[in-house]
Structures are given as C-alpha cells and as structure tokens.
Amino acid sequence: MGSAELRTELETFLKNLNIEFVSVEHPEVFTVEEMMPHVEHLSGAITKNLFLKDKKKKGLWLVSVRHDRQVNLNDLAKKLGVGSGNLRFADEAAMLEKLKVGQGCATALALFCDKDQSVKFILDSDLANGGHDRVYFHPMTNAATMGLKPDDLMKFLRETGHEPVLYSFD
C-alpha cells in the first residue's frame, strides 16, 4: 500500500533540503516482524509508528519509536496531558486524509503531507539522540524502507512545521 507519486514527491522534498537518504526495497509489510528480515542488515535504528487520536479533543498524534520499544498508551496519554485511557488508534480514514497514506505506511516521513500541522508528532528521544547512523522509516509505501541521519530527520521535521515532542520510552 502506498503511493509511488507521493514517494517521488517525498524524495524531491528531501533532495531540495540537501538531505541524503538510503532506501531498501522489499515486499509489502504490515508489521515490524514482517519487515525485520529485509532490514536487519542495516546500520541504525528501525522504527515502528503509531497513528493515534485523543478521544476527548479529537487531536491526532503520530508516535515514532525504536522498533523494540513497548508503548504504554495510558502512560503516554498522561505525559501528553490528555488523560489516561484517552489515546486510541486513529482510523485509516483519518490517516488517509491527513498523511495521504494507509495502514502500514504512517511514518514521520508522511508528515510532509500534513500541510496544516494538525498531527502532533512524538519522537522517541533515542532516535534523535541515541547516536544512530541512520533512522529508518517507510517512505510513503510499506514496500520500502528509507534511512536518514538523525540530524537530517530533525531538519526535515522542522521544514514540515512539525517540531517533535521528544519522549523517553526507556
């Protein structure tokens, strides 16, 4: 699932920012477990991503964490000030509307489609400050994985208007 046109747009966006990236093509995957055999040779941090909604305020959140992290939604909701039990997985329609991607493709790289910055972004602080060579995300398709240097990821996020909330998932 995903879009070749949007991936090309993303790559152009990155090139215009002088952001170097590496890509690995692989079969379409929907879980980290399915993806790992195709990317375990890469040097850096593989991510998993959760697209969430706040049931009270109807806010949208994208959470990107290292693939081996556990995410406790109740703890995260408390930290974000939305109240325990108030974060839920957002439906695919919201993902398509805001990020232009479907299930398995919502990653930090899709934030360039969120032109009105209505999706708040939570980033595992380890991905920004953990000393990784690269941080890997799906590039608008779950049939590829793209790696950016952590500083370039932060530059990309700033350019899209999404200043990440850094959060420790230790």
N, C-alpha and C. Protein backbone atom coordinates (compact mmCIF):
# COMPACT_ATOMS: atom_id res chain seq x y z
N MET A 1 0.84 -1.18 0.00
CA MET A 1 0.00 0.00 0.00
C MET A 1 0.89 1.24 0.00
N GLY A 2 0.43 2.28 -0.57
CA GLY A 2 1.23 3.49 -0.63
C GLY A 2 1.18 4.04 -2.03
N SER A 3 1.92 5.10 -2.22
CA SER A 3 1.85 5.80 -3.49
C SER A 3 3.23 6.09 -4.06
N ALA A 4 3.46 5.65 -5.27
CA ALA A 4 4.73 5.93 -5.94
C ALA A 4 4.88 7.43 -6.18
N GLU A 5 3.77 8.11 -6.52
CA GLU A 5 3.84 9.55 -6.76
C GLU A 5 4.22 10.31 -5.49
N LEU A 6 3.61 9.93 -4.37
CA LEU A 6 3.94 10.60 -3.11
C LEU A 6 5.37 10.29 -2.68
N ARG A 7 5.83 9.09 -2.95
CA ARG A 7 7.22 8.76 -2.61
C ARG A 7 8.17 9.64 -3.43
N THR A 8 7.87 9.82 -4.71
CA THR A 8 8.69 10.69 -5.56
C THR A 8 8.66 12.13 -5.03
N GLU A 9 7.48 12.60 -4.61
CA GLU A 9 7.36 13.94 -4.01
C GLU A 9 8.22 14.06 -2.76
N LEU A 10 8.17 13.02 -1.92
CA LEU A 10 8.97 13.00 -0.70
C LEU A 10 10.46 13.07 -1.03
N GLU A 11 10.89 12.25 -1.98
CA GLU A 11 12.31 12.24 -2.35
C GLU A 11 12.75 13.59 -2.90
N THR A 12 11.90 14.23 -3.67
CA THR A 12 12.20 15.57 -4.20
C THR A 12 12.30 16.58 -3.06
N PHE A 13 11.36 16.49 -2.12
CA PHE A 13 11.36 17.37 -0.94
C PHE A 13 12.68 17.23 -0.18
N LEU A 14 13.11 15.98 0.05
CA LEU A 14 14.36 15.71 0.77
C LEU A 14 15.56 16.25 -0.01
N LYS A 15 15.59 16.00 -1.30
CA LYS A 15 16.71 16.47 -2.13
C LYS A 15 16.78 17.99 -2.12
N ASN A 16 15.64 18.67 -2.16
CA ASN A 16 15.62 20.13 -2.12
C ASN A 16 16.16 20.68 -0.81
N LEU A 17 16.11 19.87 0.25
CA LEU A 17 16.66 20.26 1.55
C LEU A 17 18.10 19.77 1.72
N ASN A 18 18.66 19.19 0.64
CA ASN A 18 20.01 18.61 0.69
C ASN A 18 20.12 17.52 1.76
N ILE A 19 19.06 16.74 1.88
CA ILE A 19 19.05 15.62 2.82
C ILE A 19 19.33 14.34 2.04
N GLU A 20 20.40 13.70 2.44
CA GLU A 20 20.81 12.44 1.82
C GLU A 20 20.04 11.30 2.49
N PHE A 21 19.62 10.32 1.70
CA PHE A 21 18.90 9.19 2.26
C PHE A 21 19.31 7.91 1.54
N VAL A 22 19.08 6.80 2.19
CA VAL A 22 19.29 5.49 1.56
C VAL A 22 17.96 4.76 1.60
N SER A 23 17.71 3.95 0.58
CA SER A 23 16.45 3.21 0.51
C SER A 23 16.70 1.75 0.24
N VAL A 24 15.85 0.93 0.82
CA VAL A 24 15.87 -0.52 0.61
C VAL A 24 14.48 -0.91 0.15
N GLU A 25 14.40 -1.56 -1.00
CA GLU A 25 13.11 -2.05 -1.49
C GLU A 25 12.88 -3.44 -0.89
N HIS A 26 11.64 -3.76 -0.58
CA HIS A 26 11.30 -5.08 -0.04
C HIS A 26 9.83 -5.34 -0.31
N PRO A 27 9.38 -6.58 -0.09
CA PRO A 27 7.94 -6.84 -0.27
C PRO A 27 7.12 -5.98 0.69
N GLU A 28 5.86 -5.76 0.35
CA GLU A 28 4.96 -5.00 1.21
C GLU A 28 4.86 -5.68 2.58
N VAL A 29 5.02 -4.89 3.65
CA VAL A 29 4.97 -5.43 5.01
C VAL A 29 4.01 -4.59 5.84
N PHE A 30 3.38 -5.24 6.82
CA PHE A 30 2.41 -4.54 7.67
C PHE A 30 2.79 -4.55 9.14
N THR A 31 3.82 -5.32 9.50
CA THR A 31 4.28 -5.35 10.89
C THR A 31 5.79 -5.26 10.91
N VAL A 32 6.31 -4.87 12.07
CA VAL A 32 7.77 -4.82 12.26
C VAL A 32 8.35 -6.23 12.05
N GLU A 33 7.65 -7.24 12.56
CA GLU A 33 8.13 -8.62 12.44
C GLU A 33 8.30 -9.02 10.97
N GLU A 34 7.33 -8.62 10.14
CA GLU A 34 7.43 -8.93 8.70
C GLU A 34 8.59 -8.19 8.05
N MET A 35 8.87 -6.98 8.54
CA MET A 35 9.89 -6.14 7.92
C MET A 35 11.31 -6.55 8.30
N MET A 36 11.52 -7.01 9.51
CA MET A 36 12.87 -7.20 10.03
C MET A 36 13.80 -8.05 9.16
N PRO A 37 13.35 -9.16 8.58
CA PRO A 37 14.28 -9.92 7.74
C PRO A 37 14.85 -9.11 6.57
N HIS A 38 14.13 -8.09 6.13
CA HIS A 38 14.56 -7.29 4.98
C HIS A 38 15.46 -6.12 5.36
N VAL A 39 15.50 -5.78 6.66
CA VAL A 39 16.23 -4.58 7.08
C VAL A 39 17.24 -4.83 8.20
N GLU A 40 17.34 -6.07 8.67
CA GLU A 40 18.21 -6.33 9.83
C GLU A 40 19.69 -6.10 9.52
N HIS A 41 20.05 -6.04 8.24
CA HIS A 41 21.44 -5.79 7.87
C HIS A 41 21.80 -4.31 7.92
N LEU A 42 20.80 -3.44 8.09
CA LEU A 42 21.05 -2.00 8.06
C LEU A 42 21.65 -1.51 9.38
N SER A 43 22.51 -0.50 9.28
CA SER A 43 23.12 0.08 10.45
C SER A 43 22.29 1.29 10.89
N GLY A 44 21.71 1.19 12.08
CA GLY A 44 20.89 2.29 12.57
C GLY A 44 19.68 1.76 13.31
N ALA A 45 18.69 2.62 13.49
CA ALA A 45 17.50 2.29 14.27
C ALA A 45 16.30 2.13 13.35
N ILE A 46 15.66 0.99 13.43
CA ILE A 46 14.42 0.72 12.71
C ILE A 46 13.28 1.23 13.59
N THR A 47 12.27 1.84 12.97
CA THR A 47 11.18 2.42 13.76
C THR A 47 9.89 1.64 13.61
N LYS A 48 9.03 1.84 14.60
CA LYS A 48 7.62 1.48 14.46
C LYS A 48 6.84 2.75 14.75
N ASN A 49 5.66 2.85 14.17
CA ASN A 49 4.91 4.10 14.20
C ASN A 49 3.46 3.82 14.55
N LEU A 50 2.90 4.67 15.40
CA LEU A 50 1.52 4.55 15.82
C LEU A 50 0.79 5.84 15.49
N PHE A 51 -0.35 5.73 14.82
CA PHE A 51 -1.17 6.89 14.50
C PHE A 51 -2.36 6.86 15.44
N LEU A 52 -2.41 7.85 16.34
CA LEU A 52 -3.35 7.83 17.45
C LEU A 52 -4.27 9.05 17.43
N LYS A 53 -5.38 8.91 18.13
CA LYS A 53 -6.27 10.06 18.32
C LYS A 53 -6.58 10.20 19.80
N ASP A 54 -6.83 11.42 20.19
CA ASP A 54 -7.23 11.76 21.54
C ASP A 54 -8.75 11.78 21.53
N LYS A 55 -9.36 10.87 22.27
CA LYS A 55 -10.83 10.71 22.14
C LYS A 55 -11.61 11.92 22.62
N LYS A 56 -11.05 12.73 23.51
CA LYS A 56 -11.80 13.89 24.02
C LYS A 56 -11.67 15.10 23.11
N LYS A 57 -10.44 15.47 22.77
CA LYS A 57 -10.23 16.67 21.97
C LYS A 57 -10.18 16.38 20.48
N LYS A 58 -10.18 15.14 20.14
CA LYS A 58 -10.10 14.71 18.74
C LYS A 58 -8.79 15.11 18.06
N GLY A 59 -7.75 15.30 18.87
CA GLY A 59 -6.43 15.59 18.33
C GLY A 59 -5.81 14.34 17.73
N LEU A 60 -4.91 14.51 16.79
CA LEU A 60 -4.22 13.38 16.15
C LEU A 60 -2.75 13.42 16.53
N TRP A 61 -2.19 12.24 16.76
CA TRP A 61 -0.80 12.10 17.18
C TRP A 61 -0.14 11.01 16.35
N LEU A 62 1.07 11.28 15.90
CA LEU A 62 1.90 10.25 15.28
C LEU A 62 3.05 10.01 16.25
N VAL A 63 3.27 8.76 16.61
CA VAL A 63 4.32 8.39 17.54
C VAL A 63 5.31 7.49 16.82
N SER A 64 6.58 7.89 16.80
CA SER A 64 7.64 7.07 16.19
C SER A 64 8.62 6.66 17.27
N VAL A 65 8.80 5.35 17.40
CA VAL A 65 9.69 4.79 18.42
C VAL A 65 10.60 3.75 17.79
N ARG A 66 11.69 3.45 18.51
CA ARG A 66 12.55 2.35 18.07
C ARG A 66 11.71 1.08 18.04
N HIS A 67 11.94 0.24 17.06
CA HIS A 67 11.07 -0.92 16.82
C HIS A 67 10.95 -1.87 18.01
N ASP A 68 11.94 -1.87 18.90
CA ASP A 68 11.94 -2.82 20.01
C ASP A 68 11.37 -2.22 21.30
N ARG A 69 10.79 -1.05 21.21
CA ARG A 69 10.22 -0.38 22.39
C ARG A 69 8.77 -0.81 22.61
N GLN A 70 8.39 -0.83 23.88
CA GLN A 70 6.99 -1.02 24.26
C GLN A 70 6.38 0.37 24.43
N VAL A 71 5.17 0.57 23.95
CA VAL A 71 4.49 1.85 24.10
C VAL A 71 3.24 1.61 24.95
N ASN A 72 3.24 2.20 26.14
CA ASN A 72 2.07 2.11 27.02
C ASN A 72 1.23 3.35 26.75
N LEU A 73 0.09 3.16 26.09
CA LEU A 73 -0.76 4.30 25.70
C LEU A 73 -1.28 5.08 26.90
N ASN A 74 -1.56 4.41 28.01
CA ASN A 74 -2.04 5.12 29.20
C ASN A 74 -0.96 6.04 29.76
N ASP A 75 0.27 5.52 29.86
CA ASP A 75 1.38 6.35 30.36
C ASP A 75 1.64 7.52 29.42
N LEU A 76 1.63 7.25 28.13
CA LEU A 76 1.87 8.30 27.15
C LEU A 76 0.77 9.36 27.22
N ALA A 77 -0.47 8.94 27.34
CA ALA A 77 -1.60 9.88 27.43
C ALA A 77 -1.44 10.80 28.63
N LYS A 78 -1.02 10.24 29.77
CA LYS A 78 -0.81 11.07 30.97
C LYS A 78 0.28 12.10 30.72
N LYS A 79 1.38 11.66 30.13
CA LYS A 79 2.51 12.58 29.85
C LYS A 79 2.10 13.70 28.89
N LEU A 80 1.23 13.38 27.95
CA LEU A 80 0.80 14.37 26.96
C LEU A 80 -0.32 15.25 27.48
N GLY A 81 -0.82 14.92 28.67
CA GLY A 81 -1.87 15.73 29.27
C GLY A 81 -3.26 15.48 28.70
N VAL A 82 -3.46 14.32 28.07
CA VAL A 82 -4.79 14.02 27.53
C VAL A 82 -5.57 13.08 28.44
N GLY A 83 -4.94 12.62 29.51
CA GLY A 83 -5.63 11.77 30.47
C GLY A 83 -5.52 10.30 30.14
N SER A 84 -5.26 9.50 31.15
CA SER A 84 -5.13 8.06 30.99
C SER A 84 -6.35 7.47 30.30
N GLY A 85 -6.13 6.59 29.36
CA GLY A 85 -7.22 5.93 28.67
C GLY A 85 -7.81 6.72 27.51
N ASN A 86 -7.26 7.90 27.23
CA ASN A 86 -7.86 8.74 26.20
C ASN A 86 -7.15 8.68 24.85
N LEU A 87 -6.07 7.92 24.73
CA LEU A 87 -5.44 7.75 23.42
C LEU A 87 -5.92 6.44 22.81
N ARG A 88 -6.30 6.52 21.55
CA ARG A 88 -6.78 5.36 20.81
C ARG A 88 -6.11 5.35 19.44
N PHE A 89 -6.14 4.20 18.79
CA PHE A 89 -5.66 4.16 17.42
C PHE A 89 -6.65 4.90 16.53
N ALA A 90 -6.14 5.78 15.69
CA ALA A 90 -7.00 6.52 14.77
C ALA A 90 -7.37 5.60 13.61
N ASP A 91 -8.49 5.88 12.98
CA ASP A 91 -8.90 5.04 11.86
C ASP A 91 -8.13 5.40 10.58
N GLU A 92 -8.20 4.49 9.64
CA GLU A 92 -7.45 4.66 8.40
C GLU A 92 -7.92 5.88 7.60
N ALA A 93 -9.20 6.22 7.73
CA ALA A 93 -9.72 7.39 7.00
C ALA A 93 -9.00 8.66 7.44
N ALA A 94 -8.75 8.81 8.74
CA ALA A 94 -8.02 9.99 9.24
C ALA A 94 -6.58 9.98 8.74
N MET A 95 -5.99 8.81 8.69
CA MET A 95 -4.62 8.66 8.19
C MET A 95 -4.54 9.08 6.72
N LEU A 96 -5.49 8.62 5.94
CA LEU A 96 -5.52 8.97 4.51
C LEU A 96 -5.76 10.46 4.31
N GLU A 97 -6.65 11.03 5.13
CA GLU A 97 -6.96 12.45 5.00
C GLU A 97 -5.76 13.33 5.35
N LYS A 98 -5.09 13.03 6.46
CA LYS A 98 -4.03 13.90 6.96
C LYS A 98 -2.65 13.59 6.40
N LEU A 99 -2.33 12.30 6.26
CA LEU A 99 -0.98 11.90 5.86
C LEU A 99 -0.91 11.33 4.45
N LYS A 100 -2.06 11.12 3.82
CA LYS A 100 -2.15 10.60 2.45
C LYS A 100 -1.64 9.17 2.31
N VAL A 101 -1.60 8.43 3.42
CA VAL A 101 -1.17 7.03 3.39
C VAL A 101 -2.15 6.18 4.18
N GLY A 102 -2.13 4.90 3.89
CA GLY A 102 -2.98 3.95 4.60
C GLY A 102 -2.21 3.15 5.61
N GLN A 103 -2.85 2.13 6.12
CA GLN A 103 -2.28 1.28 7.15
C GLN A 103 -0.91 0.75 6.74
N GLY A 104 0.01 0.77 7.69
CA GLY A 104 1.35 0.26 7.44
C GLY A 104 2.29 1.30 6.85
N CYS A 105 1.79 2.49 6.53
CA CYS A 105 2.62 3.50 5.87
C CYS A 105 2.74 4.81 6.64
N ALA A 106 2.04 4.94 7.76
CA ALA A 106 2.08 6.20 8.52
C ALA A 106 3.39 6.29 9.29
N THR A 107 4.30 7.13 8.82
CA THR A 107 5.57 7.34 9.49
C THR A 107 5.88 8.82 9.51
N ALA A 108 6.96 9.18 10.19
CA ALA A 108 7.38 10.59 10.27
C ALA A 108 7.54 11.20 8.89
N LEU A 109 7.93 10.40 7.90
CA LEU A 109 8.16 10.93 6.56
C LEU A 109 6.85 11.38 5.90
N ALA A 110 5.72 10.84 6.36
CA ALA A 110 4.43 11.24 5.79
C ALA A 110 3.98 12.60 6.32
N LEU A 111 4.68 13.14 7.31
CA LEU A 111 4.28 14.43 7.87
C LEU A 111 4.40 15.57 6.87
N PHE A 112 5.16 15.38 5.80
CA PHE A 112 5.24 16.45 4.80
C PHE A 112 3.89 16.65 4.09
N CYS A 113 2.98 15.69 4.23
CA CYS A 113 1.63 15.82 3.65
C CYS A 113 0.66 16.54 4.59
N ASP A 114 1.04 16.67 5.86
CA ASP A 114 0.17 17.32 6.85
C ASP A 114 0.43 18.82 6.80
N LYS A 115 -0.11 19.45 5.77
CA LYS A 115 0.19 20.86 5.47
C LYS A 115 -0.29 21.83 6.56
N ASP A 116 -1.35 21.46 7.27
CA ASP A 116 -1.85 22.38 8.31
C ASP A 116 -1.34 22.02 9.71
N GLN A 117 -0.37 21.13 9.77
CA GLN A 117 0.28 20.72 11.04
C GLN A 117 -0.75 20.30 12.09
N SER A 118 -1.78 19.60 11.67
CA SER A 118 -2.81 19.17 12.63
C SER A 118 -2.44 17.88 13.35
N VAL A 119 -1.38 17.20 12.89
CA VAL A 119 -0.91 15.98 13.55
C VAL A 119 0.27 16.36 14.43
N LYS A 120 0.14 16.06 15.72
CA LYS A 120 1.25 16.31 16.65
C LYS A 120 2.18 15.10 16.57
N PHE A 121 3.49 15.36 16.68
CA PHE A 121 4.47 14.30 16.48
C PHE A 121 5.28 14.04 17.75
N ILE A 122 5.26 12.78 18.18
CA ILE A 122 6.03 12.33 19.34
C ILE A 122 7.17 11.45 18.81
N LEU A 123 8.40 11.79 19.19
CA LEU A 123 9.57 11.05 18.71
C LEU A 123 10.32 10.46 19.90
N ASP A 124 10.58 9.18 19.83
CA ASP A 124 11.43 8.51 20.81
C ASP A 124 12.74 9.27 20.87
N SER A 125 13.10 9.80 22.04
CA SER A 125 14.31 10.61 22.15
C SER A 125 15.56 9.83 21.73
N ASP A 126 15.51 8.51 21.86
CA ASP A 126 16.65 7.70 21.44
C ASP A 126 16.91 7.82 19.93
N LEU A 127 15.86 8.03 19.15
CA LEU A 127 16.03 8.14 17.70
C LEU A 127 16.76 9.43 17.33
N ALA A 128 16.55 10.48 18.13
CA ALA A 128 17.21 11.76 17.86
C ALA A 128 18.60 11.84 18.48
N ASN A 129 18.75 11.26 19.66
CA ASN A 129 19.98 11.46 20.44
C ASN A 129 20.72 10.18 20.80
N GLY A 130 20.35 9.06 20.20
CA GLY A 130 20.95 7.77 20.57
C GLY A 130 22.22 7.41 19.84
N GLY A 131 22.73 8.31 19.00
CA GLY A 131 23.98 8.04 18.29
C GLY A 131 23.84 7.08 17.13
N HIS A 132 22.63 6.93 16.58
CA HIS A 132 22.40 6.02 15.46
C HIS A 132 22.96 6.61 14.16
N ASP A 133 23.51 5.76 13.30
CA ASP A 133 23.98 6.21 11.97
C ASP A 133 22.80 6.77 11.18
N ARG A 134 21.72 6.02 11.18
CA ARG A 134 20.52 6.42 10.46
C ARG A 134 19.29 5.95 11.22
N VAL A 135 18.18 6.60 10.91
CA VAL A 135 16.89 6.22 11.46
C VAL A 135 16.01 5.86 10.27
N TYR A 136 15.35 4.70 10.34
CA TYR A 136 14.65 4.14 9.18
C TYR A 136 13.14 4.18 9.33
N PHE A 137 12.48 4.64 8.24
CA PHE A 137 11.02 4.74 8.17
C PHE A 137 10.56 4.28 6.78
N HIS A 138 9.29 3.94 6.66
CA HIS A 138 8.71 3.71 5.33
C HIS A 138 8.53 5.07 4.64
N PRO A 139 8.89 5.14 3.34
CA PRO A 139 8.76 6.40 2.58
C PRO A 139 7.47 6.45 1.75
N MET A 140 6.32 6.59 2.42
CA MET A 140 5.01 6.70 1.76
C MET A 140 4.55 5.37 1.17
N THR A 141 5.29 4.32 1.40
CA THR A 141 4.93 2.98 0.95
C THR A 141 5.53 1.99 1.95
N ASN A 142 4.82 0.88 2.16
CA ASN A 142 5.38 -0.13 3.05
C ASN A 142 6.11 -1.22 2.26
N ALA A 143 6.48 -0.89 1.02
CA ALA A 143 7.28 -1.80 0.20
C ALA A 143 8.71 -1.27 0.07
N ALA A 144 9.09 -0.39 0.99
CA ALA A 144 10.46 0.15 1.02
C ALA A 144 10.71 0.71 2.41
N THR A 145 11.98 0.87 2.73
CA THR A 145 12.40 1.49 3.98
C THR A 145 13.49 2.49 3.65
N MET A 146 13.38 3.70 4.23
CA MET A 146 14.32 4.78 3.93
C MET A 146 15.01 5.21 5.22
N GLY A 147 16.32 5.43 5.10
CA GLY A 147 17.10 5.86 6.26
C GLY A 147 17.63 7.27 6.10
N LEU A 148 17.48 8.07 7.16
CA LEU A 148 18.01 9.42 7.23
C LEU A 148 18.92 9.52 8.45
N LYS A 149 19.91 10.39 8.38
CA LYS A 149 20.72 10.68 9.56
C LYS A 149 19.81 11.40 10.55
N PRO A 150 20.00 11.17 11.85
CA PRO A 150 19.12 11.81 12.84
C PRO A 150 19.03 13.33 12.70
N ASP A 151 20.14 14.01 12.45
CA ASP A 151 20.09 15.47 12.29
C ASP A 151 19.26 15.87 11.07
N ASP A 152 19.35 15.06 10.01
CA ASP A 152 18.56 15.33 8.81
C ASP A 152 17.08 15.08 9.06
N LEU A 153 16.77 14.08 9.88
CA LEU A 153 15.38 13.83 10.25
C LEU A 153 14.82 15.07 10.96
N MET A 154 15.59 15.62 11.90
CA MET A 154 15.13 16.80 12.64
C MET A 154 14.96 17.99 11.69
N LYS A 155 15.86 18.14 10.74
CA LYS A 155 15.75 19.22 9.74
C LYS A 155 14.47 19.04 8.93
N PHE A 156 14.22 17.82 8.48
CA PHE A 156 13.00 17.51 7.71
C PHE A 156 11.76 17.88 8.52
N LEU A 157 11.72 17.46 9.78
CA LEU A 157 10.56 17.73 10.63
C LEU A 157 10.34 19.23 10.80
N ARG A 158 11.40 19.98 11.05
CA ARG A 158 11.27 21.43 11.20
C ARG A 158 10.73 22.05 9.92
N GLU A 159 11.22 21.59 8.77
CA GLU A 159 10.76 22.13 7.48
C GLU A 159 9.29 21.83 7.21
N THR A 160 8.77 20.77 7.79
CA THR A 160 7.35 20.44 7.60
C THR A 160 6.48 21.14 8.65
N GLY A 161 7.11 21.84 9.59
CA GLY A 161 6.36 22.52 10.64
C GLY A 161 5.98 21.61 11.79
N HIS A 162 6.67 20.48 11.92
CA HIS A 162 6.37 19.51 12.98
C HIS A 162 7.56 19.42 13.94
N GLU A 163 7.59 20.30 14.91
CA GLU A 163 8.63 20.22 15.94
C GLU A 163 8.28 19.01 16.82
N PRO A 164 9.15 18.00 16.87
CA PRO A 164 8.78 16.81 17.63
C PRO A 164 8.79 17.02 19.13
N VAL A 165 7.89 16.33 19.82
CA VAL A 165 7.93 16.22 21.26
C VAL A 165 8.82 15.02 21.53
N LEU A 166 10.00 15.25 22.10
CA LEU A 166 10.91 14.14 22.40
C LEU A 166 10.46 13.48 23.69
N TYR A 167 10.38 12.16 23.66
CA TYR A 167 9.86 11.40 24.78
C TYR A 167 10.73 10.17 24.98
N SER A 168 11.07 9.88 26.22
CA SER A 168 11.88 8.69 26.51
C SER A 168 10.97 7.49 26.75
N PHE A 169 11.17 6.46 25.96
CA PHE A 169 10.39 5.23 26.10
C PHE A 169 11.19 4.16 26.83
N ASP A 170 12.27 4.56 27.53
CA ASP A 170 13.09 3.60 28.30
C ASP A 170 12.27 2.93 29.38
